[in-house]
Amino acid sequence: MQLRAMTDVIKSKFHKRHLDLKILDPQKPEAAAKGRLRQVIKLRRGINDELARKLHKQIRADHPKVQVRIQGDQLRVTAKDKDALQGVIAALRGEDVDVPLQFTNYR
């Protein structure tokens, strides 16, 4: 019960700072001394390789006129017209992805 209360406190602090709760990666609770539980909560940063490949395939299937590159822990999508990029952004916002997506436009 205390573990659940502590995770609620952490989530409320993240929400107060306008951080998405999808960046929290709670690990499996493990037993500690005196019948207590211990749980490690890691922070996700960037997109992992398998999710990047999945999103790459999905974007290429839905929008063939855009170019998609995987650059480390991010995806870079380029196109000649803004409408194609906005279509990709709209399609990705409708998806349920494990990590929060952030979109920047350099034009």
Protein backbone atom coordinates (compact mmCIF):
# COMPACT_ATOMS: atom_id res chain seq x y z
CA MET A 1 0.00 0.00 0.00
CA GLN A 2 2.88 2.38 0.77
CA LEU A 3 4.49 1.52 -2.55
CA ARG A 4 1.32 2.49 -4.40
CA ALA A 5 1.12 5.73 -2.41
CA MET A 6 4.71 6.61 -3.23
CA THR A 7 4.20 5.99 -6.96
CA ASP A 8 1.12 8.22 -6.80
CA VAL A 9 3.24 10.98 -5.23
CA ILE A 10 5.87 10.61 -7.96
CA LYS A 11 3.21 10.72 -10.67
CA SER A 12 1.61 13.80 -9.16
CA LYS A 13 4.99 15.58 -9.03
CA PHE A 14 5.59 14.73 -12.70
CA HIS A 15 2.11 15.93 -13.61
CA LYS A 16 2.67 19.19 -11.73
CA ARG A 17 5.83 19.78 -13.79
CA HIS A 18 3.86 19.09 -17.02
CA LEU A 19 5.87 15.92 -17.78
CA ASP A 20 4.19 13.04 -19.56
CA LEU A 21 3.75 9.96 -17.36
CA LYS A 22 4.78 7.72 -20.28
CA ILE A 23 8.43 8.47 -19.54
CA LEU A 24 8.18 6.46 -16.32
CA ASP A 25 9.25 2.85 -16.72
CA PRO A 26 8.35 1.02 -13.49
CA GLN A 27 10.26 -2.21 -12.97
CA LYS A 28 8.93 -5.26 -11.18
CA PRO A 29 8.56 -4.81 -7.39
CA GLU A 30 11.02 -6.90 -5.40
CA ALA A 31 11.02 -7.97 -1.78
CA ALA A 32 13.07 -5.98 0.73
CA ALA A 33 13.78 -6.31 4.45
CA LYS A 34 10.99 -6.66 7.02
CA GLY A 35 8.34 -7.66 4.49
CA ARG A 36 8.56 -4.43 2.51
CA LEU A 37 8.73 -3.95 -1.24
CA ARG A 38 11.22 -2.09 -3.36
CA GLN A 39 10.56 -0.91 -6.90
CA VAL A 40 12.90 0.82 -9.32
CA ILE A 41 11.31 3.36 -11.66
CA LYS A 42 13.50 4.21 -14.63
CA LEU A 43 13.05 7.13 -16.98
CA ARG A 44 12.68 6.48 -20.69
CA ARG A 45 14.72 8.66 -22.98
CA GLY A 46 14.31 8.63 -26.73
CA ILE A 47 12.89 5.86 -28.87
CA ASN A 48 14.31 2.35 -28.64
CA ASP A 49 15.42 0.54 -31.81
CA GLU A 50 12.44 -1.78 -32.25
CA LEU A 51 9.91 1.04 -31.80
CA ALA A 52 11.89 3.21 -34.24
CA ARG A 53 11.83 0.44 -36.86
CA LYS A 54 8.10 -0.11 -36.32
CA LEU A 55 7.34 3.60 -36.70
CA HIS A 56 9.63 3.78 -39.74
CA LYS A 57 7.72 1.00 -41.50
CA GLN A 58 4.37 2.50 -40.57
CA ILE A 59 5.28 5.99 -41.82
CA ARG A 60 6.68 4.64 -45.09
CA ALA A 61 3.54 2.55 -45.66
CA ASP A 62 1.13 5.42 -44.96
CA HIS A 63 3.12 8.25 -46.57
CA PRO A 64 5.37 7.07 -49.44
CA LYS A 65 6.52 10.60 -50.39
CA VAL A 66 8.40 11.26 -47.15
CA GLN A 67 11.90 10.15 -46.20
CA VAL A 68 12.42 8.69 -42.75
CA ARG A 69 15.79 8.28 -41.06
CA ILE A 70 16.60 6.77 -37.70
CA GLN A 71 19.17 8.94 -35.93
CA GLY A 72 20.13 7.40 -32.62
CA ASP A 73 17.13 7.72 -30.35
CA GLN A 74 15.03 9.86 -32.70
CA LEU A 75 13.35 9.73 -36.10
CA ARG A 76 13.85 12.42 -38.70
CA VAL A 77 11.12 12.78 -41.29
CA THR A 78 11.69 15.02 -44.31
CA ALA A 79 9.46 15.89 -47.23
CA LYS A 80 9.17 18.50 -49.94
CA ASP A 81 5.85 19.91 -48.76
CA LYS A 82 4.57 20.73 -45.29
CA ASP A 83 1.26 18.96 -45.85
CA ALA A 84 2.99 15.57 -45.94
CA LEU A 85 4.81 16.32 -42.69
CA GLN A 86 1.62 17.47 -41.03
CA GLY A 87 -0.07 14.27 -42.22
CA VAL A 88 2.68 12.21 -40.59
CA ILE A 89 2.35 14.18 -37.34
CA ALA A 90 -1.43 13.73 -37.34
CA ALA A 91 -1.09 9.99 -37.97
CA LEU A 92 1.45 9.57 -35.15
CA ARG A 93 -0.65 11.53 -32.67
CA GLY A 94 -3.50 9.11 -33.28
CA GLU A 95 -1.29 6.13 -32.46
CA ASP A 96 -0.92 4.71 -28.96
CA VAL A 97 2.86 4.64 -28.44
CA ASP A 98 4.68 3.65 -25.23
CA VAL A 99 6.78 6.82 -25.16
CA PRO A 100 5.68 10.44 -25.47
CA LEU A 101 6.36 11.82 -28.93
CA GLN A 102 7.77 15.27 -29.47
CA PHE A 103 7.54 17.07 -32.79
CA THR A 104 9.79 19.91 -33.91
CA ASN A 105 9.62 21.72 -37.21
CA TYR A 106 12.81 23.27 -38.57
CA ARG A 107 11.18 25.10 -41.48
